[in-house]
Amino acid sequence: MPPIAAAAYANPVLRRLFPFHTHGTLKFLRDAPPWHEPAINDLPYVVLGDPPYSVHTAGDATRLGEVATAEDAISLVVAHLPADLGGNEDNLHR
């Protein structure tokens, strides 16, 4: 398992979301297919590849940071999740 995927799976907040690998990124979605229309794509994502890892916002792809480890990249994603996903299971769309 790639380091980013292993670090994401180890995080209980991200484990409740739906990972989506596309175009060299690992994104996290609130819902599994079939998605809402329009699709909810508002969570930060990680650009995959060798370190350093780059974490970006979903909307305008603003770089939130560049870090040396997969664990730090996942921590950065979690730190920038919307408040309704920050650890309250009742607020997740399932």
Protein backbone atom coordinates (compact mmCIF):
# COMPACT_ATOMS: atom_id res chain seq x y z
CA MET A 1 0.00 0.00 0.00
CA PRO A 2 1.42 3.43 -0.89
CA PRO A 3 2.51 5.49 2.14
CA ILE A 4 -0.21 8.12 1.63
CA ALA A 5 -2.97 5.49 1.48
CA ALA A 6 -1.64 3.75 4.59
CA ALA A 7 -1.43 7.05 6.51
CA ALA A 8 -4.96 8.04 5.40
CA TYR A 9 -6.38 4.68 6.44
CA ALA A 10 -4.71 5.00 9.85
CA ASN A 11 -6.54 8.28 10.48
CA PRO A 12 -10.01 7.66 11.98
CA VAL A 13 -11.50 10.87 10.54
CA LEU A 14 -10.39 10.10 6.97
CA ARG A 15 -11.33 6.44 7.30
CA ARG A 16 -14.98 7.60 7.49
CA LEU A 17 -14.66 9.31 4.09
CA PHE A 18 -14.35 7.82 0.62
CA PRO A 19 -10.87 8.00 -0.93
CA PHE A 20 -10.72 8.70 -4.64
CA HIS A 21 -7.49 8.34 -6.62
CA THR A 22 -7.46 10.41 -9.80
CA HIS A 23 -4.95 12.27 -11.97
CA GLY A 24 -2.04 11.74 -9.59
CA THR A 25 -3.97 12.85 -6.51
CA LEU A 26 -5.68 11.27 -3.54
CA LYS A 27 -8.96 13.03 -2.83
CA PHE A 28 -11.48 12.40 -0.09
CA LEU A 29 -15.21 12.51 -0.79
CA ARG A 30 -18.11 12.75 1.61
CA ASP A 31 -20.26 10.29 -0.33
CA ALA A 32 -19.83 7.04 -2.19
CA PRO A 33 -21.26 6.75 -5.70
CA PRO A 34 -23.85 7.62 -6.79
CA TRP A 35 -22.79 11.12 -5.83
CA HIS A 36 -25.03 14.07 -5.11
CA GLU A 37 -25.65 16.38 -8.03
CA PRO A 38 -23.64 18.45 -8.14
CA ALA A 39 -20.94 16.30 -6.59
CA ILE A 40 -19.58 17.50 -3.26
CA ASN A 41 -15.86 18.05 -3.84
CA ASP A 42 -14.82 20.44 -1.08
CA LEU A 43 -12.14 18.56 0.83
CA PRO A 44 -8.36 19.02 0.63
CA TYR A 45 -6.32 16.53 -1.37
CA VAL A 46 -2.75 15.22 -1.64
CA VAL A 47 -0.66 15.21 -4.82
CA LEU A 48 0.84 11.72 -5.04
CA GLY A 49 4.37 10.72 -5.90
CA ASP A 50 7.63 10.81 -4.05
CA PRO A 51 8.11 13.15 -1.09
CA PRO A 52 7.76 15.98 -0.49
CA TYR A 53 3.98 15.73 -0.56
CA SER A 54 1.86 18.71 -1.55
CA VAL A 55 -1.60 19.30 -0.05
CA HIS A 56 -4.12 21.56 -1.81
CA THR A 57 -7.63 22.93 -1.34
CA ALA A 58 -10.34 21.41 -3.50
CA GLY A 59 -11.89 24.51 -5.02
CA ASP A 60 -9.07 26.68 -6.30
CA ALA A 61 -6.18 24.24 -5.72
CA THR A 62 -4.41 26.63 -3.36
CA ARG A 63 -1.35 24.93 -1.89
CA LEU A 64 -1.86 24.44 1.84
CA GLY A 65 1.65 23.16 2.34
CA GLU A 66 4.42 20.82 1.32
CA VAL A 67 5.62 18.22 3.82
CA ALA A 68 8.25 15.48 3.97
CA THR A 69 6.18 12.53 5.19
CA ALA A 70 2.90 10.86 4.33
CA GLU A 71 1.77 11.20 7.94
CA ASP A 72 2.41 14.95 7.89
CA ALA A 73 0.47 15.26 4.61
CA ILE A 74 -2.51 13.47 6.13
CA SER A 75 -2.30 15.64 9.26
CA LEU A 76 -2.40 18.70 7.01
CA VAL A 77 -5.47 17.38 5.19
CA VAL A 78 -7.26 16.71 8.49
CA ALA A 79 -6.31 20.13 9.86
CA HIS A 80 -8.04 21.76 6.86
CA LEU A 81 -11.23 19.70 6.82
CA PRO A 82 -14.47 21.66 7.20
CA ALA A 83 -15.69 21.93 10.79
CA ASP A 84 -18.58 19.53 10.11
CA LEU A 85 -16.07 16.72 9.45
CA GLY A 86 -13.63 17.38 12.26
CA GLY A 87 -14.51 14.33 14.31
CA ASN A 88 -18.30 14.39 14.71
CA GLU A 89 -19.58 11.21 13.06
CA ASP A 90 -23.17 12.43 13.07
CA ASN A 91 -22.33 15.14 10.53
CA LEU A 92 -21.00 12.83 7.84
CA HIS A 93 -23.22 12.06 4.86
CA ARG A 94 -23.62 8.31 4.68
